[in-house]
C-alpha atoms as a PDB file:
ATOM      1  CA  MET A   1      -0.318   0.383   0.209  1.00  0.00           C
ATOM      2  CA  SER A   2       1.321   3.060  -0.894  1.00  0.00           C
ATOM      3  CA  THR A   3       1.849   6.363   1.962  1.00  0.00           C
ATOM      4  CA  ALA A   4      -0.293   7.874  -0.261  1.00  0.00           C
ATOM      5  CA  ARG A   5      -3.269   6.363   0.373  1.00  0.00           C
ATOM      6  CA  SER A   6      -2.558   5.002   3.948  1.00  0.00           C
ATOM      7  CA  VAL A   7      -2.492   8.594   4.385  1.00  0.00           C
ATOM      8  CA  ARG A   8      -5.963   9.233   2.705  1.00  0.00           C
ATOM      9  CA  LEU A   9      -7.439   6.073   4.657  1.00  0.00           C
ATOM     10  CA  ALA A  10      -6.569   7.332   7.987  1.00  0.00           C
ATOM     11  CA  LEU A  11      -7.564  10.579   7.294  1.00  0.00           C
ATOM     12  CA  ALA A  12     -11.021   8.924   6.306  1.00  0.00           C
ATOM     13  CA  LEU A  13     -11.351   6.893   9.386  1.00  0.00           C
ATOM     14  CA  LEU A  14     -10.770   9.888  11.654  1.00  0.00           C
ATOM     15  CA  PRO A  15     -14.504  10.943  11.883  1.00  0.00           C
ATOM     16  CA  LEU A  16     -14.832   7.267  13.171  1.00  0.00           C
ATOM     17  CA  LEU A  17     -12.460   7.692  15.906  1.00  0.00           C
ATOM     18  CA  ALA A  18     -14.406  10.981  16.772  1.00  0.00           C
ATOM     19  CA  GLY A  19     -17.326   9.261  16.901  1.00  0.00           C
ATOM     20  CA  CYS A  20     -16.058   6.545  20.339  1.00  0.00           C
ATOM     21  CA  VAL A  21     -14.881  10.043  22.921  1.00  0.00           C
ATOM     22  CA  ASP A  22     -17.119   9.570  25.990  1.00  0.00           C
ATOM     23  CA  VAL A  23     -17.866  13.022  26.164  1.00  0.00           C
ATOM     24  CA  PRO A  24     -19.115  13.544  29.834  1.00  0.00           C
ATOM     25  CA  GLU A  25     -23.188  15.238  30.973  1.00  0.00           C
ATOM     26  CA  LEU A  26     -21.997  18.636  32.114  1.00  0.00           C
ATOM     27  CA  GLY A  27     -25.964  19.022  33.646  1.00  0.00           C
ATOM     28  CA  ASP A  28     -24.672  18.008  36.971  1.00  0.00           C
ATOM     29  CA  SER A  29     -20.934  19.997  37.208  1.00  0.00           C
ATOM     30  CA  VAL A  30     -23.214  23.379  37.007  1.00  0.00           C
ATOM     31  CA  ARG A  31     -23.445  24.597  41.267  1.00  0.00           C
ATOM     32  CA  PRO A  32     -26.938  25.997  41.976  1.00  0.00           C
ATOM     33  CA  GLU A  33     -25.550  29.615  42.632  1.00  0.00           C
ATOM     34  CA  LEU A  34     -24.676  30.144  39.202  1.00  0.00           C
ATOM     35  CA  GLU A  35     -28.457  28.837  37.015  1.00  0.00           C
ATOM     36  CA  ARG A  36     -29.509  31.497  38.758  1.00  0.00           C
ATOM     37  CA  ALA A  37     -26.962  33.649  38.680  1.00  0.00           C
ATOM     38  CA  PRO A  38     -27.986  36.757  35.739  1.00  0.00           C
ATOM     39  CA  TYR A  39     -26.271  36.613  32.358  1.00  0.00           C
ATOM     40  CA  PRO A  40     -23.238  39.071  32.377  1.00  0.00           C
ATOM     41  CA  ARG A  41     -23.583  42.067  30.611  1.00  0.00           C
ATOM     42  CA  LEU A  42     -21.523  41.877  27.737  1.00  0.00           C
ATOM     43  CA  ILE A  43     -20.010  45.301  26.134  1.00  0.00           C
ATOM     44  CA  PRO A  44     -19.061  45.833  22.732  1.00  0.00           C
ATOM     45  CA  LEU A  45     -15.470  45.264  21.455  1.00  0.00           C
ATOM     46  CA  ASP A  46     -15.439  48.705  18.808  1.00  0.00           C
ATOM     47  CA  GLY A  47     -13.959  50.632  21.594  1.00  0.00           C
ATOM     48  CA  SER A  48     -12.815  47.943  23.620  1.00  0.00           C
ATOM     49  CA  TYR A  49      -9.272  47.122  22.302  1.00  0.00           C
ATOM     50  CA  ALA A  50      -6.727  50.090  22.374  1.00  0.00           C
ATOM     51  CA  PRO A  51      -5.416  51.600  19.040  1.00  0.00           C
ATOM     52  CA  GLN A  52      -2.791  49.218  16.972  1.00  0.00           C
ATOM     53  CA  GLY A  53       0.297  51.621  16.827  1.00  0.00           C
ATOM     54  CA  ASP A  54       2.151  51.604  12.906  1.00  0.00           C
ATOM     55  CA  PRO A  55       2.973  47.721  12.143  1.00  0.00           C
ATOM     56  CA  ALA A  56       6.024  48.639  10.228  1.00  0.00           C
ATOM     57  CA  GLU A  57       7.221  51.154  13.315  1.00  0.00           C
ATOM     58  CA  GLU A  58       6.460  48.533  15.710  1.00  0.00           C
ATOM     59  CA  ALA A  59       8.644  46.307  13.134  1.00  0.00           C
ATOM     60  CA  GLU A  60      11.763  48.909  13.106  1.00  0.00           C
ATOM     61  CA  LYS A  61      11.924  49.417  16.915  1.00  0.00           C
ATOM     62  CA  ILE A  62      11.808  45.859  16.932  1.00  0.00           C
ATOM     63  CA  ALA A  63      14.947  45.172  14.838  1.00  0.00           C
ATOM     64  CA  ASP A  64      17.151  48.086  16.540  1.00  0.00           C
ATOM     65  CA  GLY A  65      16.193  46.162  20.069  1.00  0.00           C
ATOM     66  CA  LEU A  66      17.744  43.016  18.382  1.00  0.00           C
ATOM     67  CA  SER A  67      20.542  44.380  16.984  1.00  0.00           C
ATOM     68  CA  TYR A  68      21.326  46.179  19.731  1.00  0.00           C
ATOM     69  CA  ARG A  69      21.031  43.147  22.119  1.00  0.00           C
ATOM     70  CA  ALA A  70      23.290  41.225  19.207  1.00  0.00           C
ATOM     71  CA  SER A  71      25.858  44.147  19.779  1.00  0.00           C
ATOM     72  CA  GLN A  72      25.956  43.776  23.232  1.00  0.00           C
ATOM     73  CA  LEU A  73      26.649  40.187  23.206  1.00  0.00           C
ATOM     74  CA  GLN A  74      29.036  40.207  20.805  1.00  0.00           C
ATOM     75  CA  ARG A  75      31.049  42.771  21.888  1.00  0.00           C
ATOM     76  CA  LYS A  76      31.057  40.255  25.800  1.00  0.00           C
ATOM     77  CA  ALA A  77      32.124  37.079  23.617  1.00  0.00           C
ATOM     78  CA  ASP A  78      34.751  38.875  22.291  1.00  0.00           C
ATOM     79  CA  ALA A  79      35.723  40.105  26.096  1.00  0.00           C
ATOM     80  CA  LEU A  80      35.242  36.495  26.783  1.00  0.00           C
ATOM     81  CA  ARG A  81      37.570  35.210  23.709  1.00  0.00           C
ATOM     82  CA  ALA A  82      40.412  37.724  24.863  1.00  0.00           C
ATOM     83  CA  THR A  83      40.336  36.493  28.777  1.00  0.00           C
ATOM     84  CA  PRO A  84      43.504  33.897  29.523  1.00  0.00           C
ATOM     85  CA  THR A  85      42.601  30.567  30.604  1.00  0.00           C
ATOM     86  CA  GLY A  86      45.456  29.420  31.680  1.00  0.00           C
ATOM     87  CA  ASP A  87      45.700  26.455  29.658  1.00  0.00           C
ATOM     88  CA  GLU A  88      48.094  27.919  27.024  1.00  0.00           C
ATOM     89  CA  ASP A  89      51.126  26.990  29.133  1.00  0.00           C
ATOM     90  CA  GLU A  90      50.168  23.425  29.572  1.00  0.00           C
ATOM     91  CA  SER A  91      51.253  22.335  25.754  1.00  0.00           C
END
């Protein structure tokens, strides 16, 4: 049996496996005080999001920060490479 045919067969049988799942009943899991609680007040989403900045500016800020971090790490690596370890005399 080819691999492609096996994959197609597996995908075709996948919905049958979903029918074997035992989903628990939720009716008894809700406490009585929650059943009597009022429905929460919904708010419109239009005004709830903060205004987004310009994606190009945000990307530039992130790139600048990463470049700065990379240069700092490179400087630390150069300093570590220049530090004598004491192994040079043991040849």
